[in-house]
Amino acid sequence: MTDRDREETYLDQHQLAARWGVSPRSLERWRWQRVGPVFLKIGSKVRYRERDIAAYEQANLRGAAG
């Protein structure tokens, strides 16, 4: 583990669900479907790195069509 990993901010699925206004179950389904941000799974624990969430949000920005 690098120093950057130790300083990294992680969210669990409930925190990310609240941030995005979706249900934790949606995030579970997305993981199963292999969509959404990358995640870390250790045992039964699922965590999302803040930088991966930000990268996913940036990649999914959409402008007004018109």
N, C-alpha and C. Protein backbone atom coordinates (compact mmCIF):
# COMPACT_ATOMS: atom_id res chain seq x y z
N MET A 1 0.85 -1.18 0.00
CA MET A 1 0.00 0.00 0.00
C MET A 1 0.89 1.24 0.00
N THR A 2 0.62 2.15 -0.89
CA THR A 2 1.41 3.37 -0.99
C THR A 2 0.89 4.42 -0.02
N ASP A 3 1.67 5.49 0.17
CA ASP A 3 1.22 6.60 1.01
C ASP A 3 -0.07 7.19 0.48
N ARG A 4 -0.18 7.26 -0.85
CA ARG A 4 -1.39 7.82 -1.46
C ARG A 4 -2.61 6.98 -1.10
N ASP A 5 -2.46 5.65 -1.10
CA ASP A 5 -3.58 4.77 -0.74
C ASP A 5 -4.00 4.99 0.70
N ARG A 6 -3.04 5.20 1.58
CA ARG A 6 -3.37 5.41 3.00
C ARG A 6 -4.10 6.74 3.20
N GLU A 7 -3.82 7.72 2.34
CA GLU A 7 -4.45 9.03 2.45
C GLU A 7 -5.73 9.12 1.65
N GLU A 8 -6.04 8.10 0.89
CA GLU A 8 -7.21 8.09 0.01
C GLU A 8 -8.51 8.13 0.81
N THR A 9 -9.52 8.77 0.25
CA THR A 9 -10.85 8.80 0.86
C THR A 9 -11.71 7.75 0.17
N TYR A 10 -12.39 6.95 0.97
CA TYR A 10 -13.25 5.89 0.47
C TYR A 10 -14.68 6.11 0.93
N LEU A 11 -15.65 5.76 0.09
CA LEU A 11 -17.06 5.79 0.45
C LEU A 11 -17.60 4.38 0.38
N ASP A 12 -18.53 4.06 1.28
CA ASP A 12 -19.22 2.78 1.14
C ASP A 12 -20.43 2.98 0.24
N GLN A 13 -21.14 1.90 -0.05
CA GLN A 13 -22.24 2.02 -1.02
C GLN A 13 -23.37 2.90 -0.51
N HIS A 14 -23.57 2.96 0.79
CA HIS A 14 -24.63 3.81 1.33
C HIS A 14 -24.28 5.29 1.18
N GLN A 15 -23.02 5.61 1.41
CA GLN A 15 -22.57 7.00 1.25
C GLN A 15 -22.65 7.43 -0.21
N LEU A 16 -22.23 6.55 -1.13
CA LEU A 16 -22.29 6.89 -2.54
C LEU A 16 -23.73 6.97 -3.02
N ALA A 17 -24.57 6.07 -2.54
CA ALA A 17 -25.99 6.11 -2.91
C ALA A 17 -26.61 7.43 -2.48
N ALA A 18 -26.29 7.89 -1.27
CA ALA A 18 -26.81 9.17 -0.79
C ALA A 18 -26.28 10.33 -1.63
N ARG A 19 -25.02 10.27 -1.99
CA ARG A 19 -24.41 11.33 -2.82
C ARG A 19 -25.12 11.46 -4.17
N TRP A 20 -25.47 10.33 -4.76
CA TRP A 20 -26.07 10.32 -6.09
C TRP A 20 -27.59 10.25 -6.07
N GLY A 21 -28.19 10.08 -4.91
CA GLY A 21 -29.65 10.01 -4.83
C GLY A 21 -30.22 8.74 -5.44
N VAL A 22 -29.49 7.65 -5.32
CA VAL A 22 -29.96 6.35 -5.80
C VAL A 22 -29.98 5.39 -4.61
N SER A 23 -30.58 4.24 -4.80
CA SER A 23 -30.62 3.27 -3.71
C SER A 23 -29.32 2.46 -3.67
N PRO A 24 -28.93 2.00 -2.49
CA PRO A 24 -27.77 1.10 -2.41
C PRO A 24 -27.96 -0.14 -3.28
N ARG A 25 -29.19 -0.58 -3.42
CA ARG A 25 -29.49 -1.74 -4.26
C ARG A 25 -29.14 -1.46 -5.73
N SER A 26 -29.33 -0.22 -6.17
CA SER A 26 -28.94 0.15 -7.54
C SER A 26 -27.44 -0.04 -7.73
N LEU A 27 -26.66 0.40 -6.75
CA LEU A 27 -25.21 0.23 -6.84
C LEU A 27 -24.83 -1.24 -6.86
N GLU A 28 -25.52 -2.07 -6.09
CA GLU A 28 -25.28 -3.51 -6.11
C GLU A 28 -25.56 -4.08 -7.49
N ARG A 29 -26.67 -3.66 -8.08
CA ARG A 29 -27.03 -4.14 -9.41
C ARG A 29 -26.01 -3.68 -10.44
N TRP A 30 -25.58 -2.43 -10.33
CA TRP A 30 -24.58 -1.92 -11.28
C TRP A 30 -23.28 -2.71 -11.17
N ARG A 31 -22.86 -3.05 -9.96
CA ARG A 31 -21.64 -3.85 -9.82
C ARG A 31 -21.81 -5.20 -10.51
N TRP A 32 -22.96 -5.81 -10.32
CA TRP A 32 -23.24 -7.10 -10.95
C TRP A 32 -23.24 -6.98 -12.47
N GLN A 33 -23.75 -5.86 -12.97
CA GLN A 33 -23.81 -5.61 -14.41
C GLN A 33 -22.49 -5.05 -14.96
N ARG A 34 -21.54 -4.77 -14.08
CA ARG A 34 -20.24 -4.20 -14.45
C ARG A 34 -20.38 -2.82 -15.07
N VAL A 35 -21.25 -2.00 -14.48
CA VAL A 35 -21.36 -0.59 -14.86
C VAL A 35 -21.12 0.24 -13.60
N GLY A 36 -20.91 1.52 -13.79
CA GLY A 36 -20.64 2.38 -12.64
C GLY A 36 -19.15 2.46 -12.37
N PRO A 37 -18.79 3.15 -11.30
CA PRO A 37 -17.37 3.34 -10.99
C PRO A 37 -16.72 2.04 -10.53
N VAL A 38 -15.41 1.96 -10.70
CA VAL A 38 -14.68 0.80 -10.18
C VAL A 38 -14.78 0.81 -8.66
N PHE A 39 -14.63 -0.36 -8.07
CA PHE A 39 -14.77 -0.47 -6.62
C PHE A 39 -13.74 -1.44 -6.06
N LEU A 40 -13.56 -1.37 -4.78
CA LEU A 40 -12.66 -2.24 -4.05
C LEU A 40 -13.52 -3.17 -3.21
N LYS A 41 -13.24 -4.46 -3.24
CA LYS A 41 -13.99 -5.40 -2.42
C LYS A 41 -13.01 -6.22 -1.60
N ILE A 42 -13.15 -6.14 -0.30
CA ILE A 42 -12.34 -6.92 0.63
C ILE A 42 -13.30 -7.71 1.49
N GLY A 43 -13.33 -9.01 1.30
CA GLY A 43 -14.32 -9.83 1.98
C GLY A 43 -15.70 -9.41 1.51
N SER A 44 -16.55 -9.06 2.45
CA SER A 44 -17.90 -8.62 2.10
C SER A 44 -18.01 -7.09 2.02
N LYS A 45 -16.93 -6.40 2.29
CA LYS A 45 -16.94 -4.93 2.29
C LYS A 45 -16.66 -4.38 0.89
N VAL A 46 -17.48 -3.43 0.47
CA VAL A 46 -17.31 -2.75 -0.82
C VAL A 46 -17.02 -1.29 -0.55
N ARG A 47 -15.98 -0.77 -1.18
CA ARG A 47 -15.61 0.64 -1.02
C ARG A 47 -15.32 1.23 -2.39
N TYR A 48 -15.62 2.52 -2.51
CA TYR A 48 -15.34 3.27 -3.74
C TYR A 48 -14.34 4.36 -3.39
N ARG A 49 -13.27 4.48 -4.18
CA ARG A 49 -12.32 5.56 -3.95
C ARG A 49 -12.91 6.86 -4.48
N GLU A 50 -12.71 7.91 -3.73
CA GLU A 50 -13.21 9.24 -4.10
C GLU A 50 -12.73 9.63 -5.50
N ARG A 51 -11.47 9.35 -5.81
CA ARG A 51 -10.95 9.75 -7.12
C ARG A 51 -11.59 8.95 -8.26
N ASP A 52 -11.97 7.69 -7.99
CA ASP A 52 -12.65 6.90 -9.03
C ASP A 52 -14.08 7.39 -9.23
N ILE A 53 -14.71 7.81 -8.15
CA ILE A 53 -16.06 8.38 -8.25
C ILE A 53 -16.01 9.67 -9.07
N ALA A 54 -15.04 10.52 -8.74
CA ALA A 54 -14.90 11.80 -9.46
C ALA A 54 -14.62 11.55 -10.95
N ALA A 55 -13.78 10.57 -11.26
CA ALA A 55 -13.46 10.26 -12.65
C ALA A 55 -14.70 9.74 -13.38
N TYR A 56 -15.51 8.92 -12.71
CA TYR A 56 -16.73 8.40 -13.31
C TYR A 56 -17.73 9.54 -13.57
N GLU A 57 -17.85 10.43 -12.59
CA GLU A 57 -18.75 11.58 -12.76
C GLU A 57 -18.29 12.45 -13.93
N GLN A 58 -16.99 12.71 -14.02
CA GLN A 58 -16.45 13.54 -15.09
C GLN A 58 -16.69 12.88 -16.45
N ALA A 59 -16.51 11.57 -16.53
CA ALA A 59 -16.70 10.85 -17.80
C ALA A 59 -18.16 10.83 -18.23
N ASN A 60 -19.06 11.05 -17.29
CA ASN A 60 -20.49 10.98 -17.60
C ASN A 60 -21.17 12.33 -17.65
N LEU A 61 -20.40 13.41 -17.67
CA LEU A 61 -20.97 14.74 -17.82
C LEU A 61 -21.60 14.85 -19.22
N ARG A 62 -22.73 15.46 -19.29
CA ARG A 62 -23.39 15.66 -20.56
C ARG A 62 -23.78 17.12 -20.67
N GLY A 63 -23.57 17.68 -21.83
CA GLY A 63 -23.95 19.07 -22.08
C GLY A 63 -25.37 19.15 -22.63
N ALA A 64 -25.88 20.34 -22.66
CA ALA A 64 -27.22 20.56 -23.23
C ALA A 64 -27.16 20.29 -24.73
N ALA A 65 -28.16 19.61 -25.22
CA ALA A 65 -28.20 19.29 -26.66
C ALA A 65 -29.06 20.34 -27.36
N GLY A 66 -28.42 21.35 -27.86
CA GLY A 66 -29.25 22.30 -28.55
C GLY A 66 -28.63 23.58 -28.67
